[in-house]
Amino acid sequence: MTGEVLALLGATLTLLAAVGLVRFPDVMARMHALTKASTLGVVLVLVGGTLGCVVYAGVLVVTRQVTREELAALLRRLRPTRGAPPAQRG
């Protein structure tokens, strides 16, 4: 959730930098709007994307750890118990 908010804030700042580039009257004001707001916007988008990936990876790891025991129990119940030949190792 935090990554998405940072990415959205960065995209908004980049959009405002583009609007400032079009609307400001002189070259120095345009350069200021372009350099300051767009740089911060791109940094926020990158940090938000990285943070989103880290959080997503963390959710995947936790989900895997929680469901691992249940999956093992399910597989244990599914294997045949009597009359089945032992598994071949190859």
N, C-alpha and C. Protein backbone atom coordinates (compact mmCIF):
# COMPACT_ATOMS: atom_id res chain seq x y z
N MET A 1 0.82 -1.19 0.00
CA MET A 1 0.00 0.00 0.00
C MET A 1 0.87 1.26 0.00
N THR A 2 1.93 1.26 0.79
CA THR A 2 2.80 2.43 0.85
C THR A 2 3.52 2.65 -0.47
N GLY A 3 3.93 1.56 -1.12
CA GLY A 3 4.61 1.69 -2.41
C GLY A 3 3.72 2.31 -3.46
N GLU A 4 2.45 1.92 -3.46
CA GLU A 4 1.52 2.49 -4.44
C GLU A 4 1.29 3.97 -4.20
N VAL A 5 1.21 4.36 -2.93
CA VAL A 5 1.00 5.77 -2.60
C VAL A 5 2.21 6.61 -3.02
N LEU A 6 3.42 6.10 -2.76
CA LEU A 6 4.62 6.82 -3.17
C LEU A 6 4.71 6.93 -4.69
N ALA A 7 4.39 5.86 -5.39
CA ALA A 7 4.43 5.90 -6.85
C ALA A 7 3.40 6.88 -7.41
N LEU A 8 2.22 6.92 -6.81
CA LEU A 8 1.19 7.86 -7.25
C LEU A 8 1.60 9.30 -6.97
N LEU A 9 2.20 9.53 -5.82
CA LEU A 9 2.68 10.87 -5.49
C LEU A 9 3.80 11.30 -6.45
N GLY A 10 4.69 10.38 -6.78
CA GLY A 10 5.76 10.68 -7.72
C GLY A 10 5.22 10.98 -9.11
N ALA A 11 4.22 10.22 -9.54
CA ALA A 11 3.62 10.48 -10.86
C ALA A 11 2.93 11.83 -10.88
N THR A 12 2.30 12.20 -9.78
CA THR A 12 1.64 13.50 -9.69
C THR A 12 2.67 14.64 -9.76
N LEU A 13 3.78 14.48 -9.06
CA LEU A 13 4.82 15.51 -9.12
C LEU A 13 5.42 15.63 -10.52
N THR A 14 5.59 14.51 -11.19
CA THR A 14 6.11 14.56 -12.55
C THR A 14 5.12 15.26 -13.49
N LEU A 15 3.84 14.99 -13.29
CA LEU A 15 2.82 15.68 -14.09
C LEU A 15 2.82 17.18 -13.81
N LEU A 16 2.96 17.56 -12.55
CA LEU A 16 3.02 18.99 -12.21
C LEU A 16 4.27 19.64 -12.80
N ALA A 17 5.38 18.91 -12.88
CA ALA A 17 6.58 19.46 -13.52
C ALA A 17 6.33 19.71 -14.99
N ALA A 18 5.60 18.82 -15.64
CA ALA A 18 5.29 19.03 -17.06
C ALA A 18 4.36 20.22 -17.25
N VAL A 19 3.41 20.38 -16.35
CA VAL A 19 2.50 21.54 -16.42
C VAL A 19 3.29 22.83 -16.20
N GLY A 20 4.22 22.82 -15.24
CA GLY A 20 5.06 24.00 -14.99
C GLY A 20 5.94 24.33 -16.17
N LEU A 21 6.41 23.31 -16.87
CA LEU A 21 7.23 23.53 -18.05
C LEU A 21 6.46 24.27 -19.14
N VAL A 22 5.19 23.97 -19.25
CA VAL A 22 4.37 24.63 -20.27
C VAL A 22 3.90 26.01 -19.81
N ARG A 23 3.58 26.17 -18.53
CA ARG A 23 2.91 27.39 -18.06
C ARG A 23 3.84 28.52 -17.64
N PHE A 24 5.05 28.21 -17.16
CA PHE A 24 5.91 29.28 -16.66
C PHE A 24 6.43 30.14 -17.81
N PRO A 25 6.61 31.47 -17.55
CA PRO A 25 6.92 32.39 -18.64
C PRO A 25 8.38 32.38 -19.10
N ASP A 26 9.35 32.29 -18.16
CA ASP A 26 10.74 32.42 -18.60
C ASP A 26 11.50 31.10 -18.46
N VAL A 27 12.69 31.10 -19.00
CA VAL A 27 13.49 29.86 -19.08
C VAL A 27 13.92 29.39 -17.71
N MET A 28 14.32 30.28 -16.83
CA MET A 28 14.80 29.88 -15.51
C MET A 28 13.69 29.22 -14.68
N ALA A 29 12.50 29.78 -14.73
CA ALA A 29 11.38 29.18 -14.00
C ALA A 29 11.03 27.81 -14.59
N ARG A 30 11.08 27.66 -15.88
CA ARG A 30 10.81 26.37 -16.52
C ARG A 30 11.86 25.34 -16.12
N MET A 31 13.13 25.76 -16.12
CA MET A 31 14.18 24.83 -15.72
C MET A 31 14.03 24.41 -14.26
N HIS A 32 13.64 25.35 -13.40
CA HIS A 32 13.45 25.04 -12.00
C HIS A 32 12.32 24.03 -11.82
N ALA A 33 11.21 24.26 -12.50
CA ALA A 33 10.07 23.33 -12.39
C ALA A 33 10.44 21.96 -12.93
N LEU A 34 11.16 21.94 -14.01
CA LEU A 34 11.52 20.67 -14.63
C LEU A 34 12.51 19.89 -13.79
N THR A 35 13.53 20.55 -13.25
CA THR A 35 14.56 19.81 -12.52
C THR A 35 14.11 19.38 -11.13
N LYS A 36 13.52 20.27 -10.38
CA LYS A 36 13.18 19.94 -8.99
C LYS A 36 12.02 18.95 -8.89
N ALA A 37 10.91 19.27 -9.50
CA ALA A 37 9.72 18.43 -9.33
C ALA A 37 9.85 17.10 -10.06
N SER A 38 10.43 17.10 -11.25
CA SER A 38 10.52 15.84 -11.98
C SER A 38 11.54 14.89 -11.35
N THR A 39 12.64 15.44 -10.80
CA THR A 39 13.62 14.59 -10.13
C THR A 39 13.01 13.94 -8.89
N LEU A 40 12.34 14.72 -8.07
CA LEU A 40 11.69 14.16 -6.89
C LEU A 40 10.59 13.18 -7.29
N GLY A 41 9.87 13.48 -8.34
CA GLY A 41 8.82 12.59 -8.80
C GLY A 41 9.35 11.24 -9.25
N VAL A 42 10.43 11.26 -10.02
CA VAL A 42 11.02 10.01 -10.50
C VAL A 42 11.59 9.21 -9.33
N VAL A 43 12.22 9.87 -8.39
CA VAL A 43 12.75 9.17 -7.21
C VAL A 43 11.62 8.52 -6.43
N LEU A 44 10.53 9.23 -6.24
CA LEU A 44 9.39 8.66 -5.50
C LEU A 44 8.78 7.47 -6.24
N VAL A 45 8.70 7.55 -7.56
CA VAL A 45 8.17 6.42 -8.33
C VAL A 45 9.08 5.21 -8.18
N LEU A 46 10.40 5.42 -8.25
CA LEU A 46 11.34 4.31 -8.12
C LEU A 46 11.30 3.70 -6.71
N VAL A 47 11.26 4.55 -5.70
CA VAL A 47 11.20 4.04 -4.32
C VAL A 47 9.88 3.31 -4.09
N GLY A 48 8.79 3.86 -4.59
CA GLY A 48 7.50 3.19 -4.44
C GLY A 48 7.46 1.84 -5.14
N GLY A 49 8.06 1.77 -6.33
CA GLY A 49 8.10 0.49 -7.04
C GLY A 49 8.96 -0.53 -6.31
N THR A 50 10.09 -0.08 -5.79
CA THR A 50 10.96 -0.99 -5.05
C THR A 50 10.30 -1.44 -3.76
N LEU A 51 9.68 -0.52 -3.07
CA LEU A 51 9.01 -0.88 -1.82
C LEU A 51 7.84 -1.81 -2.09
N GLY A 52 7.13 -1.59 -3.16
CA GLY A 52 6.03 -2.48 -3.51
C GLY A 52 6.52 -3.89 -3.80
N CYS A 53 7.66 -4.02 -4.46
CA CYS A 53 8.21 -5.35 -4.74
C CYS A 53 8.65 -6.04 -3.48
N VAL A 54 9.27 -5.30 -2.57
CA VAL A 54 9.74 -5.90 -1.32
C VAL A 54 8.55 -6.38 -0.49
N VAL A 55 7.51 -5.57 -0.41
CA VAL A 55 6.33 -5.97 0.35
C VAL A 55 5.67 -7.17 -0.30
N TYR A 56 5.57 -7.19 -1.62
CA TYR A 56 4.97 -8.31 -2.32
C TYR A 56 5.78 -9.58 -2.10
N ALA A 57 7.10 -9.47 -2.15
CA ALA A 57 7.95 -10.64 -1.90
C ALA A 57 7.79 -11.12 -0.46
N GLY A 58 7.66 -10.19 0.46
CA GLY A 58 7.44 -10.58 1.86
C GLY A 58 6.13 -11.31 2.06
N VAL A 59 5.09 -10.85 1.38
CA VAL A 59 3.79 -11.53 1.46
C VAL A 59 3.90 -12.93 0.88
N LEU A 60 4.61 -13.07 -0.22
CA LEU A 60 4.78 -14.40 -0.82
C LEU A 60 5.53 -15.34 0.11
N VAL A 61 6.58 -14.86 0.76
CA VAL A 61 7.35 -15.70 1.67
C VAL A 61 6.51 -16.13 2.86
N VAL A 62 5.77 -15.19 3.45
CA VAL A 62 4.93 -15.53 4.60
C VAL A 62 3.84 -16.51 4.19
N THR A 63 3.22 -16.30 3.05
CA THR A 63 2.18 -17.22 2.58
C THR A 63 2.75 -18.61 2.35
N ARG A 64 3.93 -18.69 1.78
CA ARG A 64 4.55 -19.99 1.55
C ARG A 64 4.84 -20.69 2.88
N GLN A 65 5.34 -19.96 3.86
CA GLN A 65 5.67 -20.57 5.14
C GLN A 65 4.41 -21.05 5.87
N VAL A 66 3.34 -20.30 5.74
CA VAL A 66 2.10 -20.68 6.43
C VAL A 66 1.45 -21.89 5.76
N THR A 67 1.44 -21.92 4.45
CA THR A 67 0.74 -23.00 3.76
C THR A 67 1.59 -24.25 3.56
N ARG A 68 2.85 -24.20 3.85
CA ARG A 68 3.72 -25.36 3.65
C ARG A 68 3.27 -26.56 4.48
N GLU A 69 2.93 -26.33 5.73
CA GLU A 69 2.52 -27.43 6.61
C GLU A 69 1.19 -28.04 6.16
N GLU A 70 0.27 -27.21 5.74
CA GLU A 70 -1.02 -27.73 5.28
C GLU A 70 -0.87 -28.52 3.99
N LEU A 71 0.00 -28.08 3.10
CA LEU A 71 0.24 -28.81 1.87
C LEU A 71 0.88 -30.17 2.15
N ALA A 72 1.82 -30.21 3.09
CA ALA A 72 2.44 -31.48 3.44
C ALA A 72 1.41 -32.44 4.04
N ALA A 73 0.53 -31.93 4.87
CA ALA A 73 -0.51 -32.78 5.45
C ALA A 73 -1.46 -33.30 4.38
N LEU A 74 -1.80 -32.45 3.41
CA LEU A 74 -2.68 -32.87 2.33
C LEU A 74 -2.02 -33.94 1.48
N LEU A 75 -0.77 -33.76 1.15
CA LEU A 75 -0.06 -34.77 0.36
C LEU A 75 0.09 -36.07 1.12
N ARG A 76 0.28 -35.99 2.42
CA ARG A 76 0.39 -37.19 3.24
C ARG A 76 -0.92 -37.96 3.23
N ARG A 77 -2.04 -37.25 3.24
CA ARG A 77 -3.34 -37.92 3.19
C ARG A 77 -3.63 -38.52 1.82
N LEU A 78 -3.10 -37.93 0.76
CA LEU A 78 -3.39 -38.39 -0.59
C LEU A 78 -2.59 -39.63 -1.00
N ARG A 79 -1.46 -39.87 -0.37
CA ARG A 79 -0.66 -41.01 -0.81
C ARG A 79 -1.34 -42.31 -0.39
N PRO A 80 -1.22 -43.33 -1.20
CA PRO A 80 -1.81 -44.61 -0.84
C PRO A 80 -1.08 -45.23 0.35
N THR A 81 -1.84 -45.88 1.21
CA THR A 81 -1.22 -46.41 2.43
C THR A 81 -0.99 -47.92 2.35
N ARG A 82 -1.89 -48.67 1.72
CA ARG A 82 -1.72 -50.13 1.68
C ARG A 82 -1.68 -50.63 0.24
N GLY A 83 -0.84 -51.61 0.03
CA GLY A 83 -0.79 -52.27 -1.26
C GLY A 83 -0.08 -51.50 -2.34
N ALA A 84 0.50 -50.38 -2.03
CA ALA A 84 1.20 -49.59 -3.05
C ALA A 84 2.68 -49.91 -2.98
N PRO A 85 3.33 -50.03 -4.13
CA PRO A 85 4.76 -50.28 -4.11
C PRO A 85 5.51 -49.01 -3.65
N PRO A 86 6.66 -49.22 -3.06
CA PRO A 86 7.43 -48.04 -2.63
C PRO A 86 7.88 -47.23 -3.85
N ALA A 87 8.10 -45.99 -3.63
CA ALA A 87 8.50 -45.10 -4.72
C ALA A 87 9.88 -45.47 -5.22
N GLN A 88 10.06 -45.41 -6.52
CA GLN A 88 11.34 -45.71 -7.16
C GLN A 88 12.21 -44.46 -7.14
N ARG A 89 13.42 -44.62 -6.75
CA ARG A 89 14.35 -43.48 -6.77
C ARG A 89 15.28 -43.63 -7.95
N GLY A 90 15.42 -42.57 -8.68
CA GLY A 90 16.25 -42.72 -9.86
C GLY A 90 17.08 -41.61 -10.13
